[in-house]
Amino acid sequence: MRALVKYAPGPGHVELRSVERPSPGAGQLLVDVAYAGVCGTDRSALDGHFTGLIPRTLGHEASGVISAIGPGVVGDWSVGDRVTFETDAYLCGTCLYCRAEQYQRCPHRKGIGTTANGALADALVMPELAVHRLPDGVSLLAAALTEPLAICVHAVIERSPSLAGEVVIVTGPGAIGALTSAVAGQVGATTVLVGRTRHADRLADAVARGIADHALDGDAVDVEAYVKSLTDGYGAHTGFECSGANHWPRALQPMVRRGGRVVLVALYHGEVPVDFDLLVNREHEIVGSRGKNAQSYRTALRLMADKRIDAESFISDVLPLERWEDGLDLVAQGRKVVFEVGGA
C-alpha cells in the first residue's frame, strides 16, 4: 500500500513509498483511510525539527472505513463502519490518567505519525479504544478535522472555566486558531481573533463567516487598547495562544484582566518568555492545553453532527496523496490541507 514515510532524520527524507499493508492484532481495527489532514507537526518532520520514530508513516488527522476486525475486539463494530480515531497508537491502560480517560497524559503513550506509524497511508491499525464511529450527517471529509477540532474543544471547554458572556483573545488565524474561536463562540464568548497583515483575507473571512466577532491585524492595531475598549478597561477573560510564535505568551499577559488566564494551545521551538512579575501581581494563570482526550472527540463529533461547526468550511485545499509535496508547501503558508486517500 502507499504511505508517506519519514525514512531518515534531518531535513527532507520524506517520500511516498510502497509498504506492507498492516493486519489488525488483538483489540485492533484496520481502517482504510478516506481523508487525512496535515498540520505543522507533519511539516516539521520535513524540516527536520522533530525526530520521533524513524522510519515512520506521517499523519495523525484522518477518517476512514473499517476493513478488518482483530481478535478480542469487544465493541459493536462492523466492516464498513465510518470512523475517525484519536492519535493514540498505544496506551498502557492502567495508569491513573488512562483510567480517567486522560489519554494525552499517559507516560507510556505512543502517538500515530510521531512515535508510531500514522494515517497518511492507504490503511492503518488502531486500538479499538481510540476509534469513534461517525454520527449520521458527518461526512468523511469533515471527520478528517475531528482531531484539530478536539484540540480546540479541549482548550476552550476542558481547560478553561465557563466563558459565557466573556471576551477572549485568540492569537493565530490558522486552522487551530479559527476553530478555537469558533468553539469559544459556541460556548457564549465574544471572540477577538488576532493575526498579521499577511492574514488580512483570513481575518476578514473569519468575521464574515461568524467564526470571530472581531478580527484584528496585530501589525496595525493596538490589540491591548482594542480589547480594553471592549471590556471597560479590564482586559480579556482569557487569551488562547494558537500561533506558536514565541513572543505571544508574554504579549498576551497585559491584555488579560486580573485573575485571567493565558491558555497555550500551540507548540513552540526554543525559549518562550513570561513576565513572572505580572503573573504574580495580576494573579494570572498560564495553562498548558495538550492535544485532546476521548471526551474532546465526543464533543467535537457532536458539534459537527448538530451543525454548530461546519468542519469542511475550514479546509483550504483537498489534494490527492500523490501531491503531498504541494500540500506540505501549502501548510507552510498557513493553509489547511486534507489529502484524499481513499475518498468518500
C-alpha atoms as a PDB file:
ATOM      1  CA  MET A   1       0.000   0.000   0.000  1.00  0.00           C
ATOM      2  CA  ARG A   2       1.020   3.682  -0.236  1.00  0.00           C
ATOM      3  CA  ALA A   3       2.424   5.531   2.769  1.00  0.00           C
ATOM      4  CA  LEU A   4       4.106   8.913   3.211  1.00  0.00           C
ATOM      5  CA  VAL A   5       7.257   7.936   5.099  1.00  0.00           C
ATOM      6  CA  LYS A   6       9.868   9.902   7.028  1.00  0.00           C
ATOM      7  CA  TYR A   7      12.716   7.482   6.383  1.00  0.00           C
ATOM      8  CA  ALA A   8      15.762   9.237   7.904  1.00  0.00           C
ATOM      9  CA  PRO A   9      16.492  12.043  10.409  1.00  0.00           C
ATOM     10  CA  GLY A  10      17.180  15.618   9.384  1.00  0.00           C
ATOM     11  CA  PRO A  11      15.640  17.930   6.772  1.00  0.00           C
ATOM     12  CA  GLY A  12      13.839  16.214   3.907  1.00  0.00           C
ATOM     13  CA  HIS A  13      13.994  12.420   3.763  1.00  0.00           C
ATOM     14  CA  VAL A  14      10.254  12.119   3.155  1.00  0.00           C
ATOM     15  CA  GLU A  15       8.745  10.215   0.244  1.00  0.00           C
ATOM     16  CA  LEU A  16       5.651   8.324  -0.833  1.00  0.00           C
ATOM     17  CA  ARG A  17       6.585   4.653  -0.589  1.00  0.00           C
ATOM     18  CA  SER A  18       5.074   1.242  -1.097  1.00  0.00           C
ATOM     19  CA  VAL A  19       4.929  -0.540   2.270  1.00  0.00           C
ATOM     20  CA  GLU A  20       3.365  -3.717   3.591  1.00  0.00           C
ATOM     21  CA  ARG A  21      -0.323  -3.412   4.373  1.00  0.00           C
ATOM     22  CA  PRO A  22      -0.863  -3.969   8.128  1.00  0.00           C
ATOM     23  CA  SER A  23      -3.148  -6.553   9.719  1.00  0.00           C
ATOM     24  CA  PRO A  24      -5.077  -5.907  12.940  1.00  0.00           C
ATOM     25  CA  GLY A  25      -3.804  -7.576  16.084  1.00  0.00           C
ATOM     26  CA  ALA A  26      -5.631  -8.277  19.322  1.00  0.00           C
ATOM     27  CA  GLY A  27      -8.010  -5.456  20.216  1.00  0.00           C
ATOM     28  CA  GLN A  28      -7.287  -3.574  16.992  1.00  0.00           C
ATOM     29  CA  LEU A  29      -9.282  -2.380  13.993  1.00  0.00           C
ATOM     30  CA  LEU A  30      -7.912  -1.958  10.470  1.00  0.00           C
ATOM     31  CA  VAL A  31      -9.126   1.305   8.949  1.00  0.00           C
ATOM     32  CA  ASP A  32      -8.926   2.118   5.255  1.00  0.00           C
ATOM     33  CA  VAL A  33      -8.142   5.832   5.201  1.00  0.00           C
ATOM     34  CA  ALA A  34     -10.572   8.068   3.311  1.00  0.00           C
ATOM     35  CA  TYR A  35      -9.141  11.529   4.031  1.00  0.00           C
ATOM     36  CA  ALA A  36      -6.094  12.633   6.022  1.00  0.00           C
ATOM     37  CA  GLY A  37      -5.275  16.146   7.145  1.00  0.00           C
ATOM     38  CA  VAL A  38      -1.812  17.581   7.610  1.00  0.00           C
ATOM     39  CA  CYS A  39      -0.587  20.168  10.085  1.00  0.00           C
ATOM     40  CA  GLY A  40       2.562  21.850  11.317  1.00  0.00           C
ATOM     41  CA  THR A  41       3.739  18.669  13.033  1.00  0.00           C
ATOM     42  CA  ASP A  42       3.910  16.900   9.672  1.00  0.00           C
ATOM     43  CA  ARG A  43       5.605  19.913   8.143  1.00  0.00           C
ATOM     44  CA  SER A  44       8.191  19.914  10.960  1.00  0.00           C
ATOM     45  CA  ALA A  45       9.104  16.331  10.014  1.00  0.00           C
ATOM     46  CA  LEU A  46      10.002  17.604   6.547  1.00  0.00           C
ATOM     47  CA  ASP A  47      12.028  20.448   8.064  1.00  0.00           C
ATOM     48  CA  GLY A  48      13.807  18.074  10.426  1.00  0.00           C
ATOM     49  CA  HIS A  49      12.701  19.831  13.645  1.00  0.00           C
ATOM     50  CA  PHE A  50      11.164  16.692  15.186  1.00  0.00           C
ATOM     51  CA  THR A  51      12.801  13.274  15.123  1.00  0.00           C
ATOM     52  CA  GLY A  52      10.261  10.792  16.503  1.00  0.00           C
ATOM     53  CA  LEU A  53      10.214   7.219  15.247  1.00  0.00           C
ATOM     54  CA  ILE A  54      12.422   6.644  12.197  1.00  0.00           C
ATOM     55  CA  PRO A  55      11.253   5.357   9.785  1.00  0.00           C
ATOM     56  CA  ARG A  56       7.566   6.132  10.261  1.00  0.00           C
ATOM     57  CA  THR A  57       4.437   6.959   8.302  1.00  0.00           C
ATOM     58  CA  LEU A  58       3.358  10.559   8.923  1.00  0.00           C
ATOM     59  CA  GLY A  59      -0.123  11.886   9.676  1.00  0.00           C
ATOM     60  CA  HIS A  60      -2.481  11.916  12.640  1.00  0.00           C
ATOM     61  CA  GLU A  61      -5.711  13.594  11.419  1.00  0.00           C
ATOM     62  CA  ALA A  62      -7.902  11.215   9.432  1.00  0.00           C
ATOM     63  CA  SER A  63     -11.172   9.449   8.770  1.00  0.00           C
ATOM     64  CA  GLY A  64     -11.920   6.152   7.121  1.00  0.00           C
ATOM     65  CA  VAL A  65     -13.850   2.910   6.976  1.00  0.00           C
ATOM     66  CA  ILE A  66     -13.249  -0.264   8.998  1.00  0.00           C
ATOM     67  CA  SER A  67     -11.984  -3.001   6.710  1.00  0.00           C
ATOM     68  CA  ALA A  68     -10.983  -5.731   9.195  1.00  0.00           C
ATOM     69  CA  ILE A  69     -11.518  -6.530  12.871  1.00  0.00           C
ATOM     70  CA  GLY A  70      -8.830  -8.110  15.029  1.00  0.00           C
ATOM     71  CA  PRO A  71      -9.348 -10.830  17.650  1.00  0.00           C
ATOM     72  CA  GLY A  72     -10.533  -9.789  21.077  1.00  0.00           C
ATOM     73  CA  VAL A  73     -12.393  -6.657  19.936  1.00  0.00           C
ATOM     74  CA  VAL A  74     -15.340  -6.246  22.290  1.00  0.00           C
ATOM     75  CA  GLY A  75     -17.252  -3.309  20.791  1.00  0.00           C
ATOM     76  CA  ASP A  76     -20.141  -3.448  18.337  1.00  0.00           C
ATOM     77  CA  TRP A  77     -18.042  -2.826  15.222  1.00  0.00           C
ATOM     78  CA  SER A  78     -18.698  -3.959  11.665  1.00  0.00           C
ATOM     79  CA  VAL A  79     -16.677  -3.895   8.482  1.00  0.00           C
ATOM     80  CA  GLY A  80     -17.844  -0.806   6.591  1.00  0.00           C
ATOM     81  CA  ASP A  81     -18.407   1.390   9.650  1.00  0.00           C
ATOM     82  CA  ARG A  82     -17.385   5.010   9.001  1.00  0.00           C
ATOM     83  CA  VAL A  83     -14.980   6.157  11.696  1.00  0.00           C
ATOM     84  CA  THR A  84     -12.400   8.623  12.872  1.00  0.00           C
ATOM     85  CA  PHE A  85      -9.810   7.949  15.538  1.00  0.00           C
ATOM     86  CA  GLU A  86      -7.725   9.558  18.234  1.00  0.00           C
ATOM     87  CA  THR A  87      -3.965   9.795  17.890  1.00  0.00           C
ATOM     88  CA  ASP A  88      -3.160   7.125  20.478  1.00  0.00           C
ATOM     89  CA  ALA A  89      -1.376   4.150  18.890  1.00  0.00           C
ATOM     90  CA  TYR A  90      -0.563   2.708  22.317  1.00  0.00           C
ATOM     91  CA  LEU A  91      -1.738   3.393  25.868  1.00  0.00           C
ATOM     92  CA  CYS A  92      -0.788   1.465  28.965  1.00  0.00           C
ATOM     93  CA  GLY A  93      -4.443   1.390  30.072  1.00  0.00           C
ATOM     94  CA  THR A  94      -3.505   1.028  33.744  1.00  0.00           C
ATOM     95  CA  CYS A  95      -2.095   4.392  34.890  1.00  0.00           C
ATOM     96  CA  LEU A  96      -4.349   6.831  36.727  1.00  0.00           C
ATOM     97  CA  TYR A  97      -4.526   9.001  33.594  1.00  0.00           C
ATOM     98  CA  CYS A  98      -5.738   6.181  31.361  1.00  0.00           C
ATOM     99  CA  ARG A  99      -8.314   5.154  33.952  1.00  0.00           C
ATOM    100  CA  ALA A 100      -9.668   8.727  33.858  1.00  0.00           C
ATOM    101  CA  GLU A 101      -9.667   8.864  30.012  1.00  0.00           C
ATOM    102  CA  GLN A 102      -6.901  11.483  30.160  1.00  0.00           C
ATOM    103  CA  TYR A 103      -5.026   9.595  27.495  1.00  0.00           C
ATOM    104  CA  GLN A 104      -2.891  12.570  26.452  1.00  0.00           C
ATOM    105  CA  ARG A 105      -1.168  12.320  29.855  1.00  0.00           C
ATOM    106  CA  CYS A 106      -0.277   8.608  29.764  1.00  0.00           C
ATOM    107  CA  PRO A 107       3.510   8.440  30.313  1.00  0.00           C
ATOM    108  CA  HIS A 108       3.752   5.365  28.075  1.00  0.00           C
ATOM    109  CA  ARG A 109       1.656   6.733  25.226  1.00  0.00           C
ATOM    110  CA  LYS A 110       2.753   6.411  21.600  1.00  0.00           C
ATOM    111  CA  GLY A 111       1.168   8.703  19.021  1.00  0.00           C
ATOM    112  CA  ILE A 112       0.416   7.986  15.387  1.00  0.00           C
ATOM    113  CA  GLY A 113       2.533   9.988  12.971  1.00  0.00           C
ATOM    114  CA  THR A 114       5.156  10.822  15.606  1.00  0.00           C
ATOM    115  CA  THR A 115       6.209   7.843  17.716  1.00  0.00           C
ATOM    116  CA  ALA A 116       4.214   5.257  15.730  1.00  0.00           C
ATOM    117  CA  ASN A 117       3.122   4.846  12.120  1.00  0.00           C
ATOM    118  CA  GLY A 118       0.470   7.341  11.108  1.00  0.00           C
ATOM    119  CA  ALA A 119      -2.503   7.977   8.866  1.00  0.00           C
ATOM    120  CA  LEU A 120      -1.011   9.354   5.632  1.00  0.00           C
ATOM    121  CA  ALA A 121      -1.372   5.905   4.122  1.00  0.00           C
ATOM    122  CA  ASP A 122      -3.968   3.708   2.499  1.00  0.00           C
ATOM    123  CA  ALA A 123      -4.652   1.983   5.832  1.00  0.00           C
ATOM    124  CA  LEU A 124      -3.548   1.780   9.456  1.00  0.00           C
ATOM    125  CA  VAL A 125      -4.378  -0.285  12.519  1.00  0.00           C
ATOM    126  CA  MET A 126      -5.762   1.434  15.601  1.00  0.00           C
ATOM    127  CA  PRO A 127      -6.630   0.240  19.105  1.00  0.00           C
ATOM    128  CA  GLU A 128     -10.369  -0.183  19.443  1.00  0.00           C
ATOM    129  CA  LEU A 129     -10.304   2.273  22.359  1.00  0.00           C
ATOM    130  CA  ALA A 130      -9.137   5.087  20.069  1.00  0.00           C
ATOM    131  CA  VAL A 131     -11.797   4.666  17.361  1.00  0.00           C
ATOM    132  CA  HIS A 132     -15.015   6.714  17.170  1.00  0.00           C
ATOM    133  CA  ARG A 133     -17.974   5.925  14.909  1.00  0.00           C
ATOM    134  CA  LEU A 134     -19.128   8.899  12.850  1.00  0.00           C
ATOM    135  CA  PRO A 135     -22.604  10.267  13.527  1.00  0.00           C
ATOM    136  CA  ASP A 136     -25.014  10.345  10.607  1.00  0.00           C
ATOM    137  CA  GLY A 137     -24.562  13.558   8.671  1.00  0.00           C
ATOM    138  CA  VAL A 138     -20.849  13.950   9.428  1.00  0.00           C
ATOM    139  CA  SER A 139     -19.001  13.389   6.164  1.00  0.00           C
ATOM    140  CA  LEU A 140     -15.731  11.523   5.897  1.00  0.00           C
ATOM    141  CA  LEU A 141     -14.137  14.748   4.662  1.00  0.00           C
ATOM    142  CA  ALA A 142     -15.355  16.745   7.668  1.00  0.00           C
ATOM    143  CA  ALA A 143     -14.309  13.954  10.019  1.00  0.00           C
ATOM    144  CA  ALA A 144     -10.680  14.379   8.931  1.00  0.00           C
ATOM    145  CA  LEU A 145     -10.775  17.560  11.042  1.00  0.00           C
ATOM    146  CA  THR A 146     -12.066  15.857  14.196  1.00  0.00           C
ATOM    147  CA  GLU A 147      -8.606  15.829  15.768  1.00  0.00           C
ATOM    148  CA  PRO A 148      -7.869  19.569  15.379  1.00  0.00           C
ATOM    149  CA  LEU A 149     -11.426  20.395  16.451  1.00  0.00           C
ATOM    150  CA  ALA A 150     -11.000  18.167  19.511  1.00  0.00           C
ATOM    151  CA  ILE A 151      -7.794  20.050  20.385  1.00  0.00           C
ATOM    152  CA  CYS A 152      -9.812  23.275  20.426  1.00  0.00           C
ATOM    153  CA  VAL A 153     -12.634  21.696  22.435  1.00  0.00           C
ATOM    154  CA  HIS A 154     -10.060  20.574  24.997  1.00  0.00           C
ATOM    155  CA  ALA A 155      -8.578  24.073  25.259  1.00  0.00           C
ATOM    156  CA  VAL A 156     -11.850  26.027  25.376  1.00  0.00           C
ATOM    157  CA  ILE A 157     -14.177  23.711  27.279  1.00  0.00           C
ATOM    158  CA  GLU A 158     -11.981  21.361  29.304  1.00  0.00           C
ATOM    159  CA  ARG A 159      -9.004  23.579  30.178  1.00  0.00           C
ATOM    160  CA  SER A 160     -10.962  26.793  30.797  1.00  0.00           C
ATOM    161  CA  PRO A 161     -13.731  27.915  33.141  1.00  0.00           C
ATOM    162  CA  SER A 162     -17.086  28.939  31.700  1.00  0.00           C
ATOM    163  CA  LEU A 163     -16.622  31.611  29.039  1.00  0.00           C
ATOM    164  CA  ALA A 164     -20.275  32.567  28.558  1.00  0.00           C
ATOM    165  CA  GLY A 165     -20.546  36.346  28.309  1.00  0.00           C
ATOM    166  CA  GLU A 166     -16.762  36.845  28.429  1.00  0.00           C
ATOM    167  CA  VAL A 167     -14.341  38.415  25.953  1.00  0.00           C
ATOM    168  CA  VAL A 168     -11.488  36.178  24.806  1.00  0.00           C
ATOM    169  CA  ILE A 169      -8.484  36.739  22.534  1.00  0.00           C
ATOM    170  CA  VAL A 170      -7.306  34.073  20.086  1.00  0.00           C
ATOM    171  CA  THR A 171      -3.876  34.623  18.526  1.00  0.00           C
ATOM    172  CA  GLY A 172      -3.110  32.929  15.226  1.00  0.00           C
ATOM    173  CA  PRO A 173      -5.782  32.683  12.490  1.00  0.00           C
ATOM    174  CA  GLY A 174      -4.697  29.289  11.158  1.00  0.00           C
ATOM    175  CA  ALA A 175      -6.913  26.219  11.415  1.00  0.00           C
ATOM    176  CA  ILE A 176      -6.408  25.738  15.168  1.00  0.00           C
ATOM    177  CA  GLY A 177      -6.928  29.431  15.937  1.00  0.00           C
ATOM    178  CA  ALA A 178     -10.015  29.671  13.739  1.00  0.00           C
ATOM    179  CA  LEU A 179     -11.512  26.507  15.238  1.00  0.00           C
ATOM    180  CA  THR A 180     -10.691  27.724  18.765  1.00  0.00           C
ATOM    181  CA  SER A 181     -12.507  30.974  18.040  1.00  0.00           C
ATOM    182  CA  ALA A 182     -15.467  29.049  16.632  1.00  0.00           C
ATOM    183  CA  VAL A 183     -15.711  26.780  19.686  1.00  0.00           C
ATOM    184  CA  ALA A 184     -15.397  29.754  22.057  1.00  0.00           C
ATOM    185  CA  GLY A 185     -18.263  31.418  20.209  1.00  0.00           C
ATOM    186  CA  GLN A 186     -20.367  28.288  20.619  1.00  0.00           C
ATOM    187  CA  VAL A 187     -19.980  28.450  24.423  1.00  0.00           C
ATOM    188  CA  GLY A 188     -21.058  32.095  24.506  1.00  0.00           C
ATOM    189  CA  ALA A 189     -17.806  34.066  24.411  1.00  0.00           C
ATOM    190  CA  THR A 190     -17.142  37.225  22.423  1.00  0.00           C
ATOM    191  CA  THR A 191     -14.070  36.399  20.368  1.00  0.00           C
ATOM    192  CA  VAL A 192     -11.215  38.607  19.159  1.00  0.00           C
ATOM    193  CA  LEU A 193      -9.105  36.786  16.568  1.00  0.00           C
ATOM    194  CA  VAL A 194      -5.648  38.292  16.027  1.00  0.00           C
ATOM    195  CA  GLY A 195      -3.325  37.792  13.065  1.00  0.00           C
ATOM    196  CA  ARG A 196      -0.857  39.767  10.993  1.00  0.00           C
ATOM    197  CA  THR A 197      -1.123  41.935   7.886  1.00  0.00           C
ATOM    198  CA  ARG A 198      -0.469  38.933   5.634  1.00  0.00           C
ATOM    199  CA  HIS A 199      -3.555  37.265   7.134  1.00  0.00           C
ATOM    200  CA  ALA A 200      -5.942  40.041   6.038  1.00  0.00           C
ATOM    201  CA  ASP A 201      -8.111  37.804   3.852  1.00  0.00           C
ATOM    202  CA  ARG A 202      -8.286  35.121   6.501  1.00  0.00           C
ATOM    203  CA  LEU A 203      -9.249  37.620   9.217  1.00  0.00           C
ATOM    204  CA  ALA A 204     -11.972  39.200   7.081  1.00  0.00           C
ATOM    205  CA  ASP A 205     -13.324  35.747   6.226  1.00  0.00           C
ATOM    206  CA  ALA A 206     -13.477  34.791   9.916  1.00  0.00           C
ATOM    207  CA  VAL A 207     -15.787  37.726  10.681  1.00  0.00           C
ATOM    208  CA  ALA A 208     -17.872  37.206   7.541  1.00  0.00           C
ATOM    209  CA  ARG A 209     -18.453  33.547   8.436  1.00  0.00           C
ATOM    210  CA  GLY A 210     -19.187  34.218  12.093  1.00  0.00           C
ATOM    211  CA  ILE A 211     -16.071  32.402  13.282  1.00  0.00           C
ATOM    212  CA  ALA A 212     -14.948  35.532  15.162  1.00  0.00           C
ATOM    213  CA  ASP A 213     -16.791  38.595  16.466  1.00  0.00           C
ATOM    214  CA  HIS A 214     -13.745  40.802  15.939  1.00  0.00           C
ATOM    215  CA  ALA A 215     -10.630  40.198  13.827  1.00  0.00           C
ATOM    216  CA  LEU A 216      -7.526  42.365  14.209  1.00  0.00           C
ATOM    217  CA  ASP A 217      -4.321  42.920  12.297  1.00  0.00           C
ATOM    218  CA  GLY A 218      -1.832  42.862  15.155  1.00  0.00           C
ATOM    219  CA  ASP A 219       0.736  44.635  12.971  1.00  0.00           C
ATOM    220  CA  ALA A 220      -1.514  47.668  12.536  1.00  0.00           C
ATOM    221  CA  VAL A 221      -3.829  47.767  15.563  1.00  0.00           C
ATOM    222  CA  ASP A 222      -3.069  48.221  19.274  1.00  0.00           C
ATOM    223  CA  VAL A 223      -4.675  44.935  20.342  1.00  0.00           C
ATOM    224  CA  GLU A 224      -4.405  45.671  24.063  1.00  0.00           C
ATOM    225  CA  ALA A 225      -6.210  49.021  23.710  1.00  0.00           C
ATOM    226  CA  TYR A 226      -8.862  47.481  21.465  1.00  0.00           C
ATOM    227  CA  VAL A 227      -9.606  44.670  23.908  1.00  0.00           C
ATOM    228  CA  LYS A 228      -9.736  47.052  26.865  1.00  0.00           C
ATOM    229  CA  SER A 229     -12.253  49.177  24.945  1.00  0.00           C
ATOM    230  CA  LEU A 230     -14.481  46.099  24.767  1.00  0.00           C
ATOM    231  CA  THR A 231     -14.141  45.304  28.467  1.00  0.00           C
ATOM    232  CA  ASP A 232     -14.432  48.642  30.303  1.00  0.00           C
ATOM    233  CA  GLY A 233     -10.668  48.708  30.641  1.00  0.00           C
ATOM    234  CA  TYR A 234     -10.364  45.359  32.416  1.00  0.00           C
ATOM    235  CA  GLY A 235      -8.889  43.224  29.636  1.00  0.00           C
ATOM    236  CA  ALA A 236      -9.872  39.848  28.233  1.00  0.00           C
ATOM    237  CA  HIS A 237     -11.032  36.996  30.443  1.00  0.00           C
ATOM    238  CA  THR A 238      -8.731  34.539  28.608  1.00  0.00           C
ATOM    239  CA  GLY A 239      -6.154  34.566  25.846  1.00  0.00           C
ATOM    240  CA  PHE A 240      -5.765  31.436  23.710  1.00  0.00           C
ATOM    241  CA  GLU A 241      -2.334  31.308  22.069  1.00  0.00           C
ATOM    242  CA  CYS A 242      -2.611  29.267  18.865  1.00  0.00           C
ATOM    243  CA  SER A 243       0.094  30.794  16.664  1.00  0.00           C
ATOM    244  CA  GLY A 244       3.220  29.126  18.028  1.00  0.00           C
ATOM    245  CA  ALA A 245       5.039  32.499  17.819  1.00  0.00           C
ATOM    246  CA  ASN A 246       7.345  32.687  20.842  1.00  0.00           C
ATOM    247  CA  HIS A 247       6.573  36.332  21.685  1.00  0.00           C
ATOM    248  CA  TRP A 248       2.814  35.879  22.076  1.00  0.00           C
ATOM    249  CA  PRO A 249       2.538  34.220  25.534  1.00  0.00           C
ATOM    250  CA  ARG A 250       4.225  37.233  27.143  1.00  0.00           C
ATOM    251  CA  ALA A 251       2.484  39.740  24.860  1.00  0.00           C
ATOM    252  CA  LEU A 252      -0.914  38.370  25.881  1.00  0.00           C
ATOM    253  CA  GLN A 253      -0.348  38.884  29.602  1.00  0.00           C
ATOM    254  CA  PRO A 254      -1.082  42.660  29.768  1.00  0.00           C
ATOM    255  CA  MET A 255      -4.149  42.110  27.550  1.00  0.00           C
ATOM    256  CA  VAL A 256      -5.692  39.724  30.096  1.00  0.00           C
ATOM    257  CA  ARG A 257      -7.579  41.041  33.120  1.00  0.00           C
ATOM    258  CA  ARG A 258      -6.507  40.485  36.719  1.00  0.00           C
ATOM    259  CA  GLY A 259      -7.258  36.910  37.669  1.00  0.00           C
ATOM    260  CA  GLY A 260      -7.424  35.937  33.994  1.00  0.00           C
ATOM    261  CA  ARG A 261      -5.525  33.271  32.143  1.00  0.00           C
ATOM    262  CA  VAL A 262      -3.424  32.518  29.110  1.00  0.00           C
ATOM    263  CA  VAL A 263      -4.037  29.089  27.566  1.00  0.00           C
ATOM    264  CA  LEU A 264      -1.159  27.772  25.459  1.00  0.00           C
ATOM    265  CA  VAL A 265      -2.570  25.632  22.654  1.00  0.00           C
ATOM    266  CA  ALA A 266       0.364  25.812  20.226  1.00  0.00           C
ATOM    267  CA  LEU A 267       3.726  24.066  20.377  1.00  0.00           C
ATOM    268  CA  TYR A 268       6.948  26.086  20.462  1.00  0.00           C
ATOM    269  CA  HIS A 269      10.590  25.877  19.402  1.00  0.00           C
ATOM    270  CA  GLY A 270      13.131  27.497  21.724  1.00  0.00           C
ATOM    271  CA  GLU A 271      12.556  29.561  24.852  1.00  0.00           C
ATOM    272  CA  VAL A 272       9.256  31.361  25.418  1.00  0.00           C
ATOM    273  CA  PRO A 273       9.414  34.454  27.672  1.00  0.00           C
ATOM    274  CA  VAL A 274       6.951  35.012  30.517  1.00  0.00           C
ATOM    275  CA  ASP A 275       6.606  38.108  32.720  1.00  0.00           C
ATOM    276  CA  PHE A 276       6.540  36.459  36.127  1.00  0.00           C
ATOM    277  CA  ASP A 277       6.156  39.793  37.967  1.00  0.00           C
ATOM    278  CA  LEU A 278       2.946  40.434  36.033  1.00  0.00           C
ATOM    279  CA  LEU A 279       1.899  36.823  36.583  1.00  0.00           C
ATOM    280  CA  VAL A 280       2.134  37.245  40.357  1.00  0.00           C
ATOM    281  CA  ASN A 281       0.810  40.793  40.699  1.00  0.00           C
ATOM    282  CA  ARG A 282      -2.216  40.217  38.478  1.00  0.00           C
ATOM    283  CA  GLU A 283      -2.780  36.657  39.716  1.00  0.00           C
ATOM    284  CA  HIS A 284      -2.753  35.319  36.179  1.00  0.00           C
ATOM    285  CA  GLU A 285      -2.809  31.655  35.286  1.00  0.00           C
ATOM    286  CA  ILE A 286      -0.769  30.205  32.441  1.00  0.00           C
ATOM    287  CA  VAL A 287      -2.308  26.923  31.385  1.00  0.00           C
ATOM    288  CA  GLY A 288      -0.992  24.293  29.020  1.00  0.00           C
ATOM    289  CA  SER A 289      -3.502  22.510  26.806  1.00  0.00           C
ATOM    290  CA  ARG A 290      -2.013  19.420  25.213  1.00  0.00           C
ATOM    291  CA  GLY A 291      -3.947  17.690  22.477  1.00  0.00           C
ATOM    292  CA  LYS A 292      -7.240  16.107  23.426  1.00  0.00           C
ATOM    293  CA  ASN A 293      -8.875  13.193  25.197  1.00  0.00           C
ATOM    294  CA  ALA A 294     -11.771  10.851  24.488  1.00  0.00           C
ATOM    295  CA  GLN A 295     -14.410  13.320  25.677  1.00  0.00           C
ATOM    296  CA  SER A 296     -12.926  16.035  23.465  1.00  0.00           C
ATOM    297  CA  TYR A 297     -13.576  13.768  20.476  1.00  0.00           C
ATOM    298  CA  ARG A 298     -17.128  13.010  21.522  1.00  0.00           C
ATOM    299  CA  THR A 299     -17.863  16.719  21.939  1.00  0.00           C
ATOM    300  CA  ALA A 300     -16.209  17.586  18.619  1.00  0.00           C
ATOM    301  CA  LEU A 301     -18.279  14.993  16.768  1.00  0.00           C
ATOM    302  CA  ARG A 302     -21.456  16.283  18.408  1.00  0.00           C
ATOM    303  CA  LEU A 303     -20.654  19.873  17.403  1.00  0.00           C
ATOM    304  CA  MET A 304     -20.298  18.691  13.805  1.00  0.00           C
ATOM    305  CA  ALA A 305     -23.371  16.454  13.909  1.00  0.00           C
ATOM    306  CA  ASP A 306     -25.500  19.296  15.281  1.00  0.00           C
ATOM    307  CA  LYS A 307     -24.230  21.636  12.520  1.00  0.00           C
ATOM    308  CA  ARG A 308     -22.730  24.008  15.067  1.00  0.00           C
ATOM    309  CA  ILE A 309     -19.289  23.659  13.488  1.00  0.00           C
ATOM    310  CA  ASP A 310     -19.003  23.283   9.706  1.00  0.00           C
ATOM    311  CA  ALA A 311     -15.657  21.494   9.647  1.00  0.00           C
ATOM    312  CA  GLU A 312     -15.444  21.257   5.860  1.00  0.00           C
ATOM    313  CA  SER A 313     -15.502  25.064   5.610  1.00  0.00           C
ATOM    314  CA  PHE A 314     -12.162  25.220   7.456  1.00  0.00           C
ATOM    315  CA  ILE A 315     -10.403  23.154   4.774  1.00  0.00           C
ATOM    316  CA  SER A 316      -8.429  25.248   2.293  1.00  0.00           C
ATOM    317  CA  ASP A 317      -7.341  22.551  -0.150  1.00  0.00           C
ATOM    318  CA  VAL A 318      -8.186  18.913  -0.899  1.00  0.00           C
ATOM    319  CA  LEU A 319      -5.391  17.203  -2.839  1.00  0.00           C
ATOM    320  CA  PRO A 320      -4.616  13.638  -3.936  1.00  0.00           C
ATOM    321  CA  LEU A 321      -1.992  11.973  -1.768  1.00  0.00           C
ATOM    322  CA  GLU A 322       0.410  11.961  -4.719  1.00  0.00           C
ATOM    323  CA  ARG A 323       0.609  15.763  -4.378  1.00  0.00           C
ATOM    324  CA  TRP A 324       1.979  15.568  -0.855  1.00  0.00           C
ATOM    325  CA  GLU A 325       4.851  17.978  -1.623  1.00  0.00           C
ATOM    326  CA  ASP A 326       2.427  20.664  -2.806  1.00  0.00           C
ATOM    327  CA  GLY A 327       0.298  20.031   0.274  1.00  0.00           C
ATOM    328  CA  LEU A 328       3.156  20.482   2.726  1.00  0.00           C
ATOM    329  CA  ASP A 329       4.171  23.693   0.942  1.00  0.00           C
ATOM    330  CA  LEU A 330       0.621  24.998   1.400  1.00  0.00           C
ATOM    331  CA  VAL A 331       0.702  24.062   5.097  1.00  0.00           C
ATOM    332  CA  ALA A 332       3.803  26.245   5.451  1.00  0.00           C
ATOM    333  CA  GLN A 333       1.668  29.116   4.098  1.00  0.00           C
ATOM    334  CA  GLY A 334      -0.888  28.594   6.864  1.00  0.00           C
ATOM    335  CA  ARG A 335      -3.473  26.742   4.754  1.00  0.00           C
ATOM    336  CA  LYS A 336      -5.425  23.735   5.992  1.00  0.00           C
ATOM    337  CA  VAL A 337      -4.777  20.844   3.628  1.00  0.00           C
ATOM    338  CA  VAL A 338      -6.542  17.487   3.517  1.00  0.00           C
ATOM    339  CA  PHE A 339      -5.336  14.665   1.298  1.00  0.00           C
ATOM    340  CA  GLU A 340      -7.849  12.454  -0.463  1.00  0.00           C
ATOM    341  CA  VAL A 341      -6.529   8.930   0.119  1.00  0.00           C
ATOM    342  CA  GLY A 342      -9.446   6.573  -0.486  1.00  0.00           C
ATOM    343  CA  GLY A 343     -12.107   9.266  -0.708  1.00  0.00           C
ATOM    344  CA  ALA A 344     -15.785   9.031   0.109  1.00  0.00           C
END
